[in-house]
Amino acid sequence: MKADKTEVLLLLKTAKGHIEGIMRMVEDDRYCMDISNQIFAVEALMRKTNNVVLKAHLLSCVRDTAKNGDVDKKIDELVSLFNTLMK
């Protein structure tokens, strides 16, 4: 992985803390809208984390492959990922 591990781990640990908080909220029978807002916050953190990872992939792996002339495999990987996201 070419992404900044410190940044990625910090984002993931933050998301983990949010999830643990959501679990406590559920156990405490907190208001559904409050729980839902926290779930949205975790989803945003995970999207941000994925963006960091994918940007690093594009700037390193895809760029390096493009220089070597065999970019079709990397394009296929990205298309497959986009197809997964569109489901």
N, C-alpha and C. Protein backbone atom coordinates (compact mmCIF):
# COMPACT_ATOMS: atom_id res chain seq x y z
N MET A 1 0.84 -1.17 0.00
CA MET A 1 0.00 0.00 0.00
C MET A 1 0.89 1.24 0.00
N LYS A 2 0.56 2.19 -0.83
CA LYS A 2 1.37 3.39 -0.99
C LYS A 2 0.83 4.59 -0.22
N ALA A 3 -0.38 4.47 0.33
CA ALA A 3 -0.97 5.59 1.07
C ALA A 3 -0.21 5.79 2.39
N ASP A 4 -0.33 7.00 2.92
CA ASP A 4 0.29 7.33 4.20
C ASP A 4 -0.38 6.49 5.29
N LYS A 5 0.35 5.52 5.79
CA LYS A 5 -0.20 4.58 6.77
C LYS A 5 -0.67 5.29 8.03
N THR A 6 0.08 6.30 8.45
CA THR A 6 -0.30 7.04 9.66
C THR A 6 -1.66 7.69 9.48
N GLU A 7 -1.87 8.32 8.34
CA GLU A 7 -3.16 8.98 8.06
C GLU A 7 -4.29 7.97 7.97
N VAL A 8 -4.06 6.88 7.25
CA VAL A 8 -5.09 5.86 7.08
C VAL A 8 -5.44 5.23 8.43
N LEU A 9 -4.44 4.90 9.22
CA LEU A 9 -4.71 4.29 10.53
C LEU A 9 -5.44 5.25 11.45
N LEU A 10 -5.10 6.52 11.41
CA LEU A 10 -5.79 7.50 12.24
C LEU A 10 -7.26 7.59 11.86
N LEU A 11 -7.54 7.64 10.57
CA LEU A 11 -8.93 7.68 10.11
C LEU A 11 -9.69 6.42 10.52
N LEU A 12 -9.04 5.26 10.38
CA LEU A 12 -9.70 4.01 10.74
C LEU A 12 -9.94 3.91 12.25
N LYS A 13 -8.98 4.36 13.04
CA LYS A 13 -9.16 4.35 14.49
C LYS A 13 -10.26 5.30 14.91
N THR A 14 -10.37 6.44 14.23
CA THR A 14 -11.45 7.37 14.51
C THR A 14 -12.80 6.73 14.20
N ALA A 15 -12.88 6.06 13.05
CA ALA A 15 -14.11 5.37 12.67
C ALA A 15 -14.44 4.27 13.68
N LYS A 16 -13.42 3.54 14.11
CA LYS A 16 -13.62 2.49 15.12
C LYS A 16 -14.20 3.08 16.40
N GLY A 17 -13.67 4.22 16.83
CA GLY A 17 -14.19 4.87 18.03
C GLY A 17 -15.64 5.29 17.86
N HIS A 18 -15.97 5.80 16.68
CA HIS A 18 -17.36 6.16 16.40
C HIS A 18 -18.26 4.93 16.45
N ILE A 19 -17.81 3.84 15.86
CA ILE A 19 -18.61 2.61 15.86
C ILE A 19 -18.83 2.11 17.28
N GLU A 20 -17.78 2.15 18.08
CA GLU A 20 -17.94 1.73 19.48
C GLU A 20 -18.93 2.64 20.20
N GLY A 21 -18.90 3.93 19.88
CA GLY A 21 -19.87 4.86 20.46
C GLY A 21 -21.28 4.56 20.01
N ILE A 22 -21.43 4.22 18.75
CA ILE A 22 -22.75 3.87 18.22
C ILE A 22 -23.28 2.62 18.92
N MET A 23 -22.41 1.66 19.14
CA MET A 23 -22.83 0.44 19.83
C MET A 23 -23.33 0.76 21.24
N ARG A 24 -22.64 1.66 21.93
CA ARG A 24 -23.09 2.07 23.27
C ARG A 24 -24.43 2.79 23.18
N MET A 25 -24.59 3.60 22.14
CA MET A 25 -25.87 4.31 21.96
C MET A 25 -27.02 3.31 21.77
N VAL A 26 -26.77 2.28 20.99
CA VAL A 26 -27.80 1.25 20.77
C VAL A 26 -28.11 0.54 22.08
N GLU A 27 -27.05 0.16 22.81
CA GLU A 27 -27.25 -0.52 24.09
C GLU A 27 -28.02 0.35 25.08
N ASP A 28 -27.83 1.67 25.00
CA ASP A 28 -28.50 2.61 25.91
C ASP A 28 -29.86 3.08 25.40
N ASP A 29 -30.32 2.47 24.29
CA ASP A 29 -31.61 2.84 23.70
C ASP A 29 -31.72 4.33 23.39
N ARG A 30 -30.66 4.88 22.81
CA ARG A 30 -30.65 6.30 22.45
C ARG A 30 -31.58 6.56 21.27
N TYR A 31 -31.86 7.80 21.04
CA TYR A 31 -32.78 8.25 19.99
C TYR A 31 -32.26 7.82 18.62
N CYS A 32 -33.14 7.26 17.81
CA CYS A 32 -32.77 6.69 16.51
C CYS A 32 -32.07 7.70 15.60
N MET A 33 -32.54 8.93 15.60
CA MET A 33 -31.94 9.94 14.73
C MET A 33 -30.50 10.25 15.15
N ASP A 34 -30.24 10.23 16.45
CA ASP A 34 -28.87 10.44 16.93
C ASP A 34 -27.96 9.31 16.47
N ILE A 35 -28.47 8.10 16.56
CA ILE A 35 -27.71 6.92 16.10
C ILE A 35 -27.45 7.02 14.61
N SER A 36 -28.47 7.36 13.86
CA SER A 36 -28.35 7.46 12.41
C SER A 36 -27.32 8.52 12.01
N ASN A 37 -27.33 9.66 12.70
CA ASN A 37 -26.34 10.70 12.40
C ASN A 37 -24.93 10.22 12.64
N GLN A 38 -24.72 9.43 13.67
CA GLN A 38 -23.39 8.88 13.94
C GLN A 38 -22.98 7.86 12.88
N ILE A 39 -23.95 7.09 12.40
CA ILE A 39 -23.67 6.14 11.32
C ILE A 39 -23.23 6.89 10.07
N PHE A 40 -23.92 7.99 9.76
CA PHE A 40 -23.51 8.82 8.61
C PHE A 40 -22.09 9.33 8.79
N ALA A 41 -21.73 9.70 10.02
CA ALA A 41 -20.38 10.20 10.29
C ALA A 41 -19.33 9.12 10.00
N VAL A 42 -19.64 7.88 10.40
CA VAL A 42 -18.72 6.77 10.13
C VAL A 42 -18.60 6.53 8.63
N GLU A 43 -19.73 6.56 7.94
CA GLU A 43 -19.70 6.36 6.50
C GLU A 43 -18.83 7.43 5.83
N ALA A 44 -18.93 8.66 6.27
CA ALA A 44 -18.12 9.74 5.71
C ALA A 44 -16.63 9.49 5.98
N LEU A 45 -16.31 9.06 7.18
CA LEU A 45 -14.91 8.75 7.51
C LEU A 45 -14.38 7.61 6.64
N MET A 46 -15.18 6.61 6.42
CA MET A 46 -14.74 5.48 5.59
C MET A 46 -14.56 5.90 4.14
N ARG A 47 -15.45 6.77 3.64
CA ARG A 47 -15.28 7.29 2.27
C ARG A 47 -13.98 8.09 2.17
N LYS A 48 -13.73 8.92 3.17
CA LYS A 48 -12.50 9.72 3.17
C LYS A 48 -11.27 8.82 3.19
N THR A 49 -11.31 7.78 4.02
CA THR A 49 -10.20 6.83 4.11
C THR A 49 -9.98 6.15 2.77
N ASN A 50 -11.05 5.73 2.15
CA ASN A 50 -10.94 5.06 0.85
C ASN A 50 -10.40 6.02 -0.20
N ASN A 51 -10.79 7.28 -0.14
CA ASN A 51 -10.26 8.27 -1.08
C ASN A 51 -8.75 8.42 -0.93
N VAL A 52 -8.27 8.43 0.31
CA VAL A 52 -6.83 8.54 0.55
C VAL A 52 -6.10 7.34 -0.06
N VAL A 53 -6.64 6.15 0.17
CA VAL A 53 -6.02 4.92 -0.36
C VAL A 53 -6.05 4.91 -1.88
N LEU A 54 -7.21 5.23 -2.46
CA LEU A 54 -7.32 5.19 -3.92
C LEU A 54 -6.47 6.27 -4.60
N LYS A 55 -6.40 7.45 -4.00
CA LYS A 55 -5.56 8.50 -4.57
C LYS A 55 -4.09 8.05 -4.60
N ALA A 56 -3.65 7.46 -3.51
CA ALA A 56 -2.27 6.97 -3.46
C ALA A 56 -2.05 5.88 -4.51
N HIS A 57 -3.05 5.04 -4.69
CA HIS A 57 -2.95 3.99 -5.71
C HIS A 57 -2.81 4.60 -7.10
N LEU A 58 -3.63 5.59 -7.38
CA LEU A 58 -3.56 6.24 -8.69
C LEU A 58 -2.21 6.94 -8.90
N LEU A 59 -1.74 7.61 -7.87
CA LEU A 59 -0.50 8.37 -7.99
C LEU A 59 0.76 7.50 -8.00
N SER A 60 0.63 6.27 -7.52
CA SER A 60 1.81 5.41 -7.50
C SER A 60 1.66 4.23 -8.46
N CYS A 61 0.81 3.30 -8.12
CA CYS A 61 0.70 2.06 -8.89
C CYS A 61 0.25 2.31 -10.34
N VAL A 62 -0.81 3.09 -10.50
CA VAL A 62 -1.32 3.31 -11.85
C VAL A 62 -0.33 4.14 -12.66
N ARG A 63 0.23 5.17 -12.05
CA ARG A 63 1.21 6.01 -12.75
C ARG A 63 2.43 5.19 -13.17
N ASP A 64 2.94 4.37 -12.26
CA ASP A 64 4.10 3.53 -12.58
C ASP A 64 3.78 2.55 -13.70
N THR A 65 2.62 1.96 -13.65
CA THR A 65 2.21 1.01 -14.68
C THR A 65 2.04 1.71 -16.02
N ALA A 66 1.48 2.91 -16.00
CA ALA A 66 1.30 3.67 -17.25
C ALA A 66 2.65 3.97 -17.90
N LYS A 67 3.66 4.25 -17.09
CA LYS A 67 4.99 4.53 -17.64
C LYS A 67 5.58 3.31 -18.32
N ASN A 68 5.20 2.12 -17.82
CA ASN A 68 5.72 0.88 -18.39
C ASN A 68 4.88 0.37 -19.55
N GLY A 69 3.76 1.03 -19.82
CA GLY A 69 2.96 0.69 -20.99
C GLY A 69 1.90 -0.37 -20.78
N ASP A 70 1.76 -0.94 -19.60
CA ASP A 70 0.78 -2.01 -19.37
C ASP A 70 -0.33 -1.51 -18.44
N VAL A 71 -1.05 -0.51 -18.89
CA VAL A 71 -2.04 0.14 -18.04
C VAL A 71 -3.41 -0.55 -18.08
N ASP A 72 -3.64 -1.43 -19.06
CA ASP A 72 -4.96 -2.06 -19.21
C ASP A 72 -5.40 -2.81 -17.96
N LYS A 73 -4.49 -3.52 -17.31
CA LYS A 73 -4.83 -4.27 -16.10
C LYS A 73 -5.29 -3.32 -14.99
N LYS A 74 -4.58 -2.20 -14.83
CA LYS A 74 -4.96 -1.23 -13.78
C LYS A 74 -6.30 -0.58 -14.10
N ILE A 75 -6.55 -0.31 -15.36
CA ILE A 75 -7.84 0.25 -15.74
C ILE A 75 -8.95 -0.75 -15.44
N ASP A 76 -8.72 -2.01 -15.74
CA ASP A 76 -9.71 -3.05 -15.45
C ASP A 76 -10.00 -3.14 -13.95
N GLU A 77 -8.94 -3.01 -13.13
CA GLU A 77 -9.13 -3.02 -11.68
C GLU A 77 -10.02 -1.87 -11.23
N LEU A 78 -9.76 -0.69 -11.77
CA LEU A 78 -10.54 0.48 -11.39
C LEU A 78 -11.98 0.38 -11.88
N VAL A 79 -12.17 -0.12 -13.08
CA VAL A 79 -13.54 -0.31 -13.61
C VAL A 79 -14.30 -1.30 -12.73
N SER A 80 -13.64 -2.37 -12.32
CA SER A 80 -14.27 -3.35 -11.43
C SER A 80 -14.66 -2.71 -10.10
N LEU A 81 -13.78 -1.88 -9.58
CA LEU A 81 -14.08 -1.18 -8.33
C LEU A 81 -15.27 -0.25 -8.50
N PHE A 82 -15.29 0.52 -9.60
CA PHE A 82 -16.41 1.41 -9.86
C PHE A 82 -17.72 0.64 -10.02
N ASN A 83 -17.65 -0.51 -10.66
CA ASN A 83 -18.85 -1.34 -10.81
C ASN A 83 -19.37 -1.77 -9.44
N THR A 84 -18.47 -2.11 -8.53
CA THR A 84 -18.87 -2.48 -7.17
C THR A 84 -19.54 -1.31 -6.48
N LEU A 85 -18.98 -0.12 -6.64
CA LEU A 85 -19.55 1.07 -6.02
C LEU A 85 -20.93 1.42 -6.56
N MET A 86 -21.17 1.10 -7.81
CA MET A 86 -22.44 1.46 -8.44
C MET A 86 -23.58 0.52 -8.08
N LYS A 87 -23.26 -0.59 -7.44
CA LYS A 87 -24.32 -1.55 -7.08
C LYS A 87 -25.15 -1.04 -5.95
